[in-house]
Amino acid sequence: QVQLVESGGGLVQAGGSLRLSCAASGSIFSISTMGWYRQAPGKQRELVAYITSAGSTNYADSVKGRFTISRDNAKNTVYLQMNSLKPEDTAVYYCNLNILGGIDYWGKGTLVTVSS
């Protein structure tokens, strides 16, 4: 069983930065694609960024140039560095682990609030 625990959320002013972390249990982290999703109030959950086991990354257009996803396989941890935050980035951010394009695991989420 895989468990994902997010941390690093909080309240920040527009233009500020936060770094989210997601620690994974289990032994499949290094071969998994890791992603960050977010869900704003009244909206559907959306993909923010993902990083494959090989280190390839992909970002939503809305965060390109501002957010950076990275991973540390030795620590079973994925990070999301968020810079130049905007009020529209306010959401609950969820960590996702996907194994071989099949099974998904989710964290419980961490709240990011950006004030204007």
Protein backbone atom coordinates (compact mmCIF):
# COMPACT_ATOMS: atom_id res chain seq x y z
CA GLN A 1 0.00 0.00 0.00
CA VAL A 2 1.32 3.41 -0.98
CA GLN A 3 0.75 6.44 1.21
CA LEU A 4 1.39 10.00 0.09
CA VAL A 5 1.75 12.86 2.54
CA GLU A 6 1.83 16.44 1.32
CA SER A 7 3.25 19.39 3.22
CA GLY A 8 4.25 22.99 2.64
CA GLY A 9 0.93 24.65 1.98
CA GLY A 10 -0.10 27.87 3.63
CA LEU A 11 -1.03 31.50 3.18
CA VAL A 12 1.15 33.71 1.00
CA GLN A 13 0.80 37.10 -0.64
CA ALA A 14 0.57 37.45 -4.38
CA GLY A 15 4.03 37.38 -5.90
CA GLY A 16 5.36 35.16 -3.15
CA SER A 17 6.68 31.61 -3.21
CA LEU A 18 5.95 28.27 -1.60
CA ARG A 19 7.47 24.83 -1.92
CA LEU A 20 5.25 21.81 -1.59
CA SER A 21 6.62 18.40 -0.70
CA CYS A 22 5.08 14.97 -1.03
CA ALA A 23 6.64 12.01 0.73
CA ALA A 24 5.73 8.55 -0.48
CA SER A 25 5.89 5.26 1.34
CA GLY A 26 6.60 1.98 -0.37
CA SER A 27 9.17 0.82 -2.87
CA ILE A 28 7.68 1.87 -6.21
CA PHE A 29 8.40 5.58 -6.05
CA SER A 30 11.41 5.50 -8.36
CA ILE A 31 9.49 3.80 -11.17
CA SER A 32 6.38 5.93 -10.85
CA THR A 33 5.20 9.10 -12.49
CA MET A 34 4.56 11.72 -9.85
CA GLY A 35 2.14 14.57 -10.30
CA TRP A 36 0.65 17.56 -8.61
CA TYR A 37 -3.00 18.40 -9.12
CA ARG A 38 -5.10 21.16 -7.65
CA GLN A 39 -8.75 21.82 -7.00
CA ALA A 40 -10.10 25.29 -6.42
CA PRO A 41 -13.48 25.85 -4.75
CA GLY A 42 -16.29 25.04 -7.15
CA LYS A 43 -13.92 23.76 -9.83
CA GLN A 44 -12.78 20.39 -11.05
CA ARG A 45 -9.42 18.95 -10.11
CA GLU A 46 -6.79 19.84 -12.69
CA LEU A 47 -3.28 18.72 -13.48
CA VAL A 48 -0.59 21.20 -12.48
CA ALA A 49 2.57 19.29 -13.35
CA TYR A 50 4.02 15.83 -13.55
CA ILE A 51 7.44 14.23 -13.66
CA THR A 52 8.15 10.78 -15.03
CA SER A 53 10.51 8.19 -13.61
CA ALA A 54 13.02 9.30 -16.25
CA GLY A 55 12.75 12.92 -15.14
CA SER A 56 10.68 14.30 -18.00
CA THR A 57 8.32 17.04 -16.93
CA ASN A 58 5.11 18.59 -18.15
CA TYR A 59 3.22 21.65 -16.91
CA ALA A 60 -0.18 23.21 -17.26
CA ASP A 61 -0.02 26.34 -19.37
CA SER A 62 -1.22 28.41 -16.43
CA VAL A 63 1.88 27.61 -14.36
CA LYS A 64 4.62 27.35 -16.98
CA GLY A 65 7.58 29.52 -16.10
CA ARG A 66 6.41 29.92 -12.50
CA PHE A 67 6.26 26.39 -11.06
CA THR A 68 8.94 23.71 -11.08
CA ILE A 69 8.41 20.05 -10.26
CA SER A 70 11.31 17.89 -9.14
CA ARG A 71 11.90 14.58 -7.42
CA ASP A 72 14.42 12.99 -5.09
CA ASN A 73 14.24 9.23 -5.48
CA ALA A 74 16.60 8.68 -2.55
CA LYS A 75 14.05 10.41 -0.31
CA ASN A 76 10.91 9.13 -2.06
CA THR A 77 9.83 12.75 -2.32
CA VAL A 78 8.46 14.98 -5.04
CA TYR A 79 8.50 18.75 -4.81
CA LEU A 80 6.62 21.62 -6.38
CA GLN A 81 8.38 24.96 -6.24
CA MET A 82 5.81 27.69 -6.81
CA ASN A 83 7.00 31.21 -7.57
CA SER A 84 5.20 34.40 -8.56
CA LEU A 85 2.02 33.08 -7.01
CA LYS A 86 -1.30 34.56 -8.05
CA PRO A 87 -4.66 34.59 -6.29
CA GLU A 88 -5.95 32.20 -8.94
CA ASP A 89 -3.41 29.63 -7.72
CA THR A 90 -5.46 29.29 -4.54
CA ALA A 91 -6.54 25.65 -4.25
CA VAL A 92 -6.03 22.40 -2.45
CA TYR A 93 -2.96 20.77 -3.99
CA TYR A 94 -2.88 16.99 -4.25
CA CYS A 95 0.05 14.70 -4.84
CA ASN A 96 -0.47 11.79 -7.23
CA LEU A 97 1.53 8.66 -7.87
CA ASN A 98 0.82 6.74 -11.05
CA ILE A 99 2.34 3.36 -11.68
CA LEU A 100 2.73 2.11 -15.24
CA GLY A 101 -0.16 4.22 -16.49
CA GLY A 102 -2.56 2.22 -14.37
CA ILE A 103 -3.10 2.47 -10.64
CA ASP A 104 -3.30 5.92 -9.06
CA TYR A 105 -2.61 6.86 -5.47
CA TRP A 106 -3.55 10.21 -3.94
CA GLY A 107 -2.54 12.25 -0.95
CA LYS A 108 -5.06 14.06 1.21
CA GLY A 109 -4.05 17.46 -0.07
CA THR A 110 -2.53 20.66 1.25
CA LEU A 111 -4.20 24.05 1.05
CA VAL A 112 -2.50 26.94 -0.70
CA THR A 113 -4.07 30.35 -0.28
CA VAL A 114 -2.73 33.35 -2.19
CA SER A 115 -3.96 36.73 -1.04
CA SER A 116 -4.14 39.74 -3.32
